PDB file of N, CA and C in Angstrom:
ATOM      1  N   MET A   1     261.987 -60.871 115.233  1.00  0.00           N
ATOM      2  CA  MET A   1     261.320 -61.114 116.498  1.00  0.00           C
ATOM      3  C   MET A   1     261.163 -62.626 116.665  1.00  0.00           C
ATOM      4  N   PRO A   2     261.466 -63.164 117.850  1.00  0.00           N
ATOM      5  CA  PRO A   2     261.306 -64.598 118.082  1.00  0.00           C
ATOM      6  C   PRO A   2     259.846 -65.010 117.947  1.00  0.00           C
ATOM      7  N   ALA A   3     259.635 -66.218 117.450  1.00  0.00           N
ATOM      8  CA  ALA A   3     258.267 -66.699 117.225  1.00  0.00           C
ATOM      9  C   ALA A   3     257.500 -66.862 118.524  1.00  0.00           C
ATOM     10  N   SER A   4     258.184 -67.081 119.633  1.00  0.00           N
ATOM     11  CA  SER A   4     257.500 -67.322 120.901  1.00  0.00           C
ATOM     12  C   SER A   4     257.029 -66.035 121.571  1.00  0.00           C
ATOM     13  N   ARG A   5     257.460 -64.884 121.059  1.00  0.00           N
ATOM     14  CA  ARG A   5     257.086 -63.619 121.675  1.00  0.00           C
ATOM     15  C   ARG A   5     255.965 -62.953 120.896  1.00  0.00           C
ATOM     16  N   ALA A   6     254.901 -62.562 121.594  1.00  0.00           N
ATOM     17  CA  ALA A   6     253.780 -61.896 120.934  1.00  0.00           C
ATOM     18  C   ALA A   6     254.159 -60.454 120.623  1.00  0.00           C
ATOM     19  N   PRO A   7     253.601 -59.897 119.546  1.00  0.00           N
ATOM     20  CA  PRO A   7     253.859 -58.492 119.249  1.00  0.00           C
ATOM     21  C   PRO A   7     253.400 -57.609 120.404  1.00  0.00           C
ATOM     22  N   SER A   8     254.073 -56.491 120.617  1.00  0.00           N
ATOM     23  CA  SER A   8     253.751 -55.624 121.752  1.00  0.00           C
ATOM     24  C   SER A   8     252.355 -55.021 121.647  1.00  0.00           C
ATOM     25  N   SER A   9     251.788 -54.966 120.443  1.00  0.00           N
ATOM     26  CA  SER A   9     250.451 -54.391 120.282  1.00  0.00           C
ATOM     27  C   SER A   9     249.347 -55.371 120.675  1.00  0.00           C
ATOM     28  N   SER A  10     249.697 -56.649 120.883  1.00  0.00           N
ATOM     29  CA  SER A  10     248.694 -57.642 121.261  1.00  0.00           C
ATOM     30  C   SER A  10     248.388 -57.554 122.744  1.00  0.00           C
ATOM     31  N   PRO A  11     247.107 -57.596 123.105  1.00  0.00           N
ATOM     32  CA  PRO A  11     246.776 -57.560 124.532  1.00  0.00           C
ATOM     33  C   PRO A  11     247.152 -58.877 125.192  1.00  0.00           C
ATOM     34  N   SER A  12     247.500 -58.805 126.445  1.00  0.00           N
ATOM     35  CA  SER A  12     247.792 -60.039 127.166  1.00  0.00           C
ATOM     36  C   SER A  12     246.480 -60.742 127.507  1.00  0.00           C
ATOM     37  N   VAL A  13     246.587 -62.015 127.790  1.00  0.00           N
ATOM     38  CA  VAL A  13     245.399 -62.786 128.158  1.00  0.00           C
ATOM     39  C   VAL A  13     244.780 -62.207 129.424  1.00  0.00           C
ATOM     40  N   GLU A  14     245.630 -61.854 130.387  1.00  0.00           N
ATOM     41  CA  GLU A  14     245.118 -61.288 131.637  1.00  0.00           C
ATOM     42  C   GLU A  14     244.370 -59.981 131.388  1.00  0.00           C
ATOM     43  N   ALA A  15     244.902 -59.163 130.479  1.00  0.00           N
ATOM     44  CA  ALA A  15     244.241 -57.899 130.154  1.00  0.00           C
ATOM     45  C   ALA A  15     242.896 -58.146 129.483  1.00  0.00           C
ATOM     46  N   MET A  16     242.829 -59.172 128.628  1.00  0.00           N
ATOM     47  CA  MET A  16     241.564 -59.493 127.959  1.00  0.00           C
ATOM     48  C   MET A  16     240.518 -59.938 128.981  1.00  0.00           C
ATOM     49  N   VAL A  17     240.925 -60.791 129.915  1.00  0.00           N
ATOM     50  CA  VAL A  17     239.990 -61.272 130.937  1.00  0.00           C
ATOM     51  C   VAL A  17     239.532 -60.111 131.807  1.00  0.00           C
ATOM     52  N   THR A  18     240.460 -59.238 132.170  1.00  0.00           N
ATOM     53  CA  THR A  18     240.117 -58.077 132.994  1.00  0.00           C
ATOM     54  C   THR A  18     239.169 -57.147 132.247  1.00  0.00           C
ATOM     55  N   ALA A  19     239.474 -56.871 130.983  1.00  0.00           N
ATOM     56  CA  ALA A  19     238.631 -55.971 130.185  1.00  0.00           C
ATOM     57  C   ALA A  19     237.230 -56.544 129.987  1.00  0.00           C
ATOM     58  N   ALA A  20     237.145 -57.859 129.854  1.00  0.00           N
ATOM     59  CA  ALA A  20     235.846 -58.501 129.662  1.00  0.00           C
ATOM     60  C   ALA A  20     235.102 -58.664 130.981  1.00  0.00           C
ATOM     61  N   GLY A  21     235.761 -58.367 132.081  1.00  0.00           N
ATOM     62  CA  GLY A  21     235.120 -58.536 133.382  1.00  0.00           C
ATOM     63  C   GLY A  21     234.844 -59.994 133.679  1.00  0.00           C
ATOM     64  N   ALA A  22     235.687 -60.881 133.150  1.00  0.00           N
ATOM     65  CA  ALA A  22     235.535 -62.327 133.314  1.00  0.00           C
ATOM     66  C   ALA A  22     234.174 -62.806 132.791  1.00  0.00           C
ATOM     67  N   ASP A  23     233.644 -62.111 131.787  1.00  0.00           N
ATOM     68  CA  ASP A  23     232.353 -62.452 131.189  1.00  0.00           C
ATOM     69  C   ASP A  23     232.586 -63.300 129.941  1.00  0.00           C
ATOM     70  N   ARG A  24     232.180 -64.566 129.995  1.00  0.00           N
ATOM     71  CA  ARG A  24     232.379 -65.478 128.867  1.00  0.00           C
ATOM     72  C   ARG A  24     231.662 -64.989 127.608  1.00  0.00           C
ATOM     73  N   GLU A  25     230.489 -64.379 127.768  1.00  0.00           N
ATOM     74  CA  GLU A  25     229.731 -63.931 126.593  1.00  0.00           C
ATOM     75  C   GLU A  25     230.503 -62.874 125.803  1.00  0.00           C
ATOM     76  N   THR A  26     231.168 -61.967 126.501  1.00  0.00           N
ATOM     77  CA  THR A  26     231.965 -60.941 125.835  1.00  0.00           C
ATOM     78  C   THR A  26     233.107 -61.576 125.059  1.00  0.00           C
ATOM     79  N   LEU A  27     233.809 -62.529 125.681  1.00  0.00           N
ATOM     80  CA  LEU A  27     234.912 -63.203 125.011  1.00  0.00           C
ATOM     81  C   LEU A  27     234.408 -64.094 123.877  1.00  0.00           C
ATOM     82  N   ASP A  28     233.237 -64.718 124.051  1.00  0.00           N
ATOM     83  CA  ASP A  28     232.658 -65.524 122.968  1.00  0.00           C
ATOM     84  C   ASP A  28     232.335 -64.645 121.753  1.00  0.00           C
ATOM     85  N   ALA A  29     231.827 -63.438 121.996  1.00  0.00           N
ATOM     86  CA  ALA A  29     231.524 -62.517 120.899  1.00  0.00           C
ATOM     87  C   ALA A  29     232.816 -62.078 120.203  1.00  0.00           C
ATOM     88  N   LEU A  30     233.853 -61.835 120.971  1.00  0.00           N
ATOM     89  CA  LEU A  30     235.143 -61.473 120.394  1.00  0.00           C
ATOM     90  C   LEU A  30     235.682 -62.622 119.553  1.00  0.00           C
ATOM     91  N   ARG A  31     235.561 -63.839 120.059  1.00  0.00           N
ATOM     92  CA  ARG A  31     236.012 -65.020 119.309  1.00  0.00           C
ATOM     93  C   ARG A  31     235.257 -65.130 117.988  1.00  0.00           C
ATOM     94  N   ALA A  32     233.936 -64.917 118.022  1.00  0.00           N
ATOM     95  CA  ALA A  32     233.126 -65.003 116.803  1.00  0.00           C
ATOM     96  C   ALA A  32     233.570 -63.957 115.777  1.00  0.00           C
ATOM     97  N   GLY A  33     233.930 -62.768 116.249  1.00  0.00           N
ATOM     98  CA  GLY A  33     234.409 -61.727 115.340  1.00  0.00           C
ATOM     99  C   GLY A  33     235.712 -62.126 114.659  1.00  0.00           C
ATOM    100  N   PHE A  34     236.630 -62.695 115.438  1.00  0.00           N
ATOM    101  CA  PHE A  34     237.893 -63.153 114.849  1.00  0.00           C
ATOM    102  C   PHE A  34     237.646 -64.291 113.859  1.00  0.00           C
ATOM    103  N   GLN A  35     236.748 -65.204 114.202  1.00  0.00           N
ATOM    104  CA  GLN A  35     236.445 -66.318 113.301  1.00  0.00           C
ATOM    105  C   GLN A  35     235.851 -65.810 111.993  1.00  0.00           C
ATOM    106  N   ALA A  36     234.998 -64.803 112.065  1.00  0.00           N
ATOM    107  CA  ALA A  36     234.403 -64.234 110.849  1.00  0.00           C
ATOM    108  C   ALA A  36     235.474 -63.583 109.973  1.00  0.00           C
ATOM    109  N   ARG A  37     236.408 -62.865 110.610  1.00  0.00           N
ATOM    110  CA  ARG A  37     237.501 -62.252 109.842  1.00  0.00           C
ATOM    111  C   ARG A  37     238.333 -63.311 109.135  1.00  0.00           C
ATOM    112  N   ILE A  38     238.640 -64.393 109.839  1.00  0.00           N
ATOM    113  CA  ILE A  38     239.459 -65.464 109.258  1.00  0.00           C
ATOM    114  C   ILE A  38     238.700 -66.158 108.130  1.00  0.00           C
ATOM    115  N   ALA A  39     237.390 -66.306 108.281  1.00  0.00           N
ATOM    116  CA  ALA A  39     236.587 -66.928 107.225  1.00  0.00           C
ATOM    117  C   ALA A  39     236.599 -66.079 105.959  1.00  0.00           C
ATOM    118  N   ARG A  40     236.620 -64.759 106.130  1.00  0.00           N
ATOM    119  CA  ARG A  40     236.649 -63.861 104.966  1.00  0.00           C
ATOM    120  C   ARG A  40     238.024 -63.823 104.313  1.00  0.00           C
ATOM    121  N   ARG A  41     239.059 -63.905 105.143  1.00  0.00           N
ATOM    122  CA  ARG A  41     240.428 -63.784 104.622  1.00  0.00           C
ATOM    123  C   ARG A  41     241.351 -64.663 105.455  1.00  0.00           C
ATOM    124  N   SER A  42     241.696 -65.810 104.918  1.00  0.00           N
ATOM    125  CA  SER A  42     242.440 -66.802 105.694  1.00  0.00           C
ATOM    126  C   SER A  42     243.857 -66.371 106.042  1.00  0.00           C
ATOM    127  N   ASP A  43     244.380 -65.356 105.382  1.00  0.00           N
ATOM    128  CA  ASP A  43     245.728 -64.903 105.707  1.00  0.00           C
ATOM    129  C   ASP A  43     245.731 -63.694 106.646  1.00  0.00           C
ATOM    130  N   ASP A  44     244.644 -63.513 107.384  1.00  0.00           N
ATOM    131  CA  ASP A  44     244.555 -62.426 108.372  1.00  0.00           C
ATOM    132  C   ASP A  44     245.246 -62.911 109.653  1.00  0.00           C
ATOM    133  N   PHE A  45     246.548 -62.709 109.701  1.00  0.00           N
ATOM    134  CA  PHE A  45     247.342 -63.237 110.802  1.00  0.00           C
ATOM    135  C   PHE A  45     247.071 -62.519 112.118  1.00  0.00           C
ATOM    136  N   GLU A  46     246.684 -61.261 112.057  1.00  0.00           N
ATOM    137  CA  GLU A  46     246.315 -60.545 113.281  1.00  0.00           C
ATOM    138  C   GLU A  46     245.055 -61.157 113.890  1.00  0.00           C
ATOM    139  N   ALA A  47     244.093 -61.520 113.049  1.00  0.00           N
ATOM    140  CA  ALA A  47     242.875 -62.165 113.551  1.00  0.00           C
ATOM    141  C   ALA A  47     243.197 -63.546 114.115  1.00  0.00           C
ATOM    142  N   THR A  48     244.126 -64.247 113.485  1.00  0.00           N
ATOM    143  CA  THR A  48     244.521 -65.559 113.981  1.00  0.00           C
ATOM    144  C   THR A  48     245.153 -65.432 115.358  1.00  0.00           C
ATOM    145  N   LYS A  49     246.031 -64.455 115.538  1.00  0.00           N
ATOM    146  CA  LYS A  49     246.663 -64.231 116.850  1.00  0.00           C
ATOM    147  C   LYS A  49     245.610 -63.810 117.863  1.00  0.00           C
ATOM    148  N   GLY A  50     244.691 -62.950 117.457  1.00  0.00           N
ATOM    149  CA  GLY A  50     243.612 -62.529 118.354  1.00  0.00           C
ATOM    150  C   GLY A  50     242.751 -63.703 118.780  1.00  0.00           C
ATOM    151  N   LEU A  51     242.474 -64.596 117.832  1.00  0.00           N
ATOM    152  CA  LEU A  51     241.682 -65.791 118.148  1.00  0.00           C
ATOM    153  C   LEU A  51     242.428 -66.671 119.145  1.00  0.00           C
ATOM    154  N   GLN A  52     243.732 -66.829 118.952  1.00  0.00           N
ATOM    155  CA  GLN A  52     244.528 -67.630 119.887  1.00  0.00           C
ATOM    156  C   GLN A  52     244.480 -67.039 121.292  1.00  0.00           C
ATOM    157  N   LEU A  53     244.659 -65.724 121.394  1.00  0.00           N
ATOM    158  CA  LEU A  53     244.614 -65.069 122.699  1.00  0.00           C
ATOM    159  C   LEU A  53     243.233 -65.195 123.339  1.00  0.00           C
ATOM    160  N   THR A  54     242.194 -65.031 122.527  1.00  0.00           N
ATOM    161  CA  THR A  54     240.833 -65.132 123.046  1.00  0.00           C
ATOM    162  C   THR A  54     240.537 -66.545 123.538  1.00  0.00           C
ATOM    163  N   GLU A  55     240.948 -67.546 122.774  1.00  0.00           N
ATOM    164  CA  GLU A  55     240.745 -68.937 123.203  1.00  0.00           C
ATOM    165  C   GLU A  55     241.482 -69.209 124.511  1.00  0.00           C
ATOM    166  N   HIS A  56     242.697 -68.675 124.629  1.00  0.00           N
ATOM    167  CA  HIS A  56     243.454 -68.863 125.860  1.00  0.00           C
ATOM    168  C   HIS A  56     242.756 -68.168 127.031  1.00  0.00           C
ATOM    169  N   ALA A  57     242.252 -66.958 126.795  1.00  0.00           N
ATOM    170  CA  ALA A  57     241.529 -66.243 127.850  1.00  0.00           C
ATOM    171  C   ALA A  57     240.285 -67.025 128.272  1.00  0.00           C
ATOM    172  N   LEU A  58     239.556 -67.570 127.304  1.00  0.00           N
ATOM    173  CA  LEU A  58     238.366 -68.361 127.626  1.00  0.00           C
ATOM    174  C   LEU A  58     238.729 -69.602 128.446  1.00  0.00           C
ATOM    175  N   SER A  59     239.884 -70.177 128.157  1.00  0.00           N
ATOM    176  CA  SER A  59     240.281 -71.373 128.902  1.00  0.00           C
ATOM    177  C   SER A  59     240.614 -71.052 130.349  1.00  0.00           C
ATOM    178  N   GLN A  60     240.877 -69.784 130.652  1.00  0.00           N
ATOM    179  CA  GLN A  60     241.202 -69.380 132.017  1.00  0.00           C
ATOM    180  C   GLN A  60     239.951 -69.195 132.875  1.00  0.00           C
ATOM    181  N   LEU A  61     238.804 -69.049 132.212  1.00  0.00           N
ATOM    182  CA  LEU A  61     237.554 -68.820 132.940  1.00  0.00           C
ATOM    183  C   LEU A  61     236.826 -70.134 133.180  1.00  0.00           C
ATOM    184  N   SER A  62     236.190 -70.233 134.325  1.00  0.00           N
ATOM    185  CA  SER A  62     235.405 -71.435 134.591  1.00  0.00           C
ATOM    186  C   SER A  62     233.992 -71.239 134.058  1.00  0.00           C
ATOM    187  N   ARG A  63     233.335 -72.346 133.847  1.00  0.00           N
ATOM    188  CA  ARG A  63     231.927 -72.322 133.445  1.00  0.00           C
ATOM    189  C   ARG A  63     231.135 -72.747 134.669  1.00  0.00           C
ATOM    190  N   ASP A  64     230.502 -71.789 135.318  1.00  0.00           N
ATOM    191  CA  ASP A  64     229.887 -72.011 136.620  1.00  0.00           C
ATOM    192  C   ASP A  64     228.948 -73.209 136.676  1.00  0.00           C
ATOM    193  N   GLY A  65     228.056 -73.347 135.717  1.00  0.00           N
ATOM    194  CA  GLY A  65     227.065 -74.408 135.785  1.00  0.00           C
ATOM    195  C   GLY A  65     227.470 -75.703 135.105  1.00  0.00           C
ATOM    196  N   ASP A  66     228.687 -75.789 134.625  1.00  0.00           N
ATOM    197  CA  ASP A  66     229.118 -76.939 133.840  1.00  0.00           C
ATOM    198  C   ASP A  66     229.838 -77.960 134.722  1.00  0.00           C
ATOM    199  N   PRO A  67     229.212 -79.115 134.975  1.00  0.00           N
ATOM    200  CA  PRO A  67     229.859 -80.115 135.843  1.00  0.00           C
ATOM    201  C   PRO A  67     231.154 -80.666 135.254  1.00  0.00           C
ATOM    202  N   TRP A  68     231.258 -80.727 133.923  1.00  0.00           N
ATOM    203  CA  TRP A  68     232.496 -81.204 133.301  1.00  0.00           C
ATOM    204  C   TRP A  68     233.642 -80.251 133.569  1.00  0.00           C
ATOM    205  N   ASP A  69     233.347 -78.958 133.532  1.00  0.00           N
ATOM    206  CA  ASP A  69     234.382 -77.973 133.797  1.00  0.00           C
ATOM    207  C   ASP A  69     234.906 -78.127 135.214  1.00  0.00           C
ATOM    208  N   ARG A  70     234.007 -78.288 136.170  1.00  0.00           N
ATOM    209  CA  ARG A  70     234.437 -78.471 137.562  1.00  0.00           C
ATOM    210  C   ARG A  70     235.283 -79.720 137.704  1.00  0.00           C
ATOM    211  N   LEU A  71     234.881 -80.816 137.042  1.00  0.00           N
ATOM    212  CA  LEU A  71     235.612 -82.073 137.133  1.00  0.00           C
ATOM    213  C   LEU A  71     237.013 -81.939 136.540  1.00  0.00           C
ATOM    214  N   VAL A  72     237.099 -81.337 135.369  1.00  0.00           N
ATOM    215  CA  VAL A  72     238.402 -81.170 134.723  1.00  0.00           C
ATOM    216  C   VAL A  72     239.299 -80.288 135.576  1.00  0.00           C
ATOM    217  N   ARG A  73     238.767 -79.180 136.079  1.00  0.00           N
ATOM    218  CA  ARG A  73     239.579 -78.283 136.917  1.00  0.00           C
ATOM    219  C   ARG A  73     240.049 -78.996 138.193  1.00  0.00           C
ATOM    220  N   LYS A  74     239.193 -79.848 138.755  1.00  0.00           N
ATOM    221  CA  LYS A  74     239.576 -80.600 139.949  1.00  0.00           C
ATOM    222  C   LYS A  74     240.706 -81.592 139.611  1.00  0.00           C
ATOM    223  N   LEU A  75     240.590 -82.271 138.482  1.00  0.00           N
ATOM    224  CA  LEU A  75     241.628 -83.224 138.087  1.00  0.00           C
ATOM    225  C   LEU A  75     242.950 -82.540 137.799  1.00  0.00           C
ATOM    226  N   VAL A  76     242.897 -81.385 137.157  1.00  0.00           N
ATOM    227  CA  VAL A  76     244.121 -80.655 136.834  1.00  0.00           C
ATOM    228  C   VAL A  76     244.762 -80.096 138.101  1.00  0.00           C
ATOM    229  N   LYS A  77     243.934 -79.675 139.032  1.00  0.00           N
ATOM    230  CA  LYS A  77     244.433 -79.087 140.281  1.00  0.00           C
ATOM    231  C   LYS A  77     245.125 -80.136 141.143  1.00  0.00           C
ATOM    232  N   ASP A  78     244.588 -81.368 141.169  1.00  0.00           N
ATOM    233  CA  ASP A  78     245.147 -82.420 142.031  1.00  0.00           C
ATOM    234  C   ASP A  78     246.462 -82.951 141.565  1.00  0.00           C
TER     235      ASP A  78
END
């Protein structure tokens, strides 16, 4: 399997955001779970992939009250 292709059992970022209802707290809890798994066993590659997907999903969500987030999104959009 090519390295650039995710395994078919991995959820897509869009599916993760949809399942979480665009709730950062849900994705933050998922991220913490993956981090705990990796801390217990550093060769847990499924947890590493899950963490990557979760981080990417979190990057897709805005932080409503965060002025830095608005500024960065405005700069990237322009």
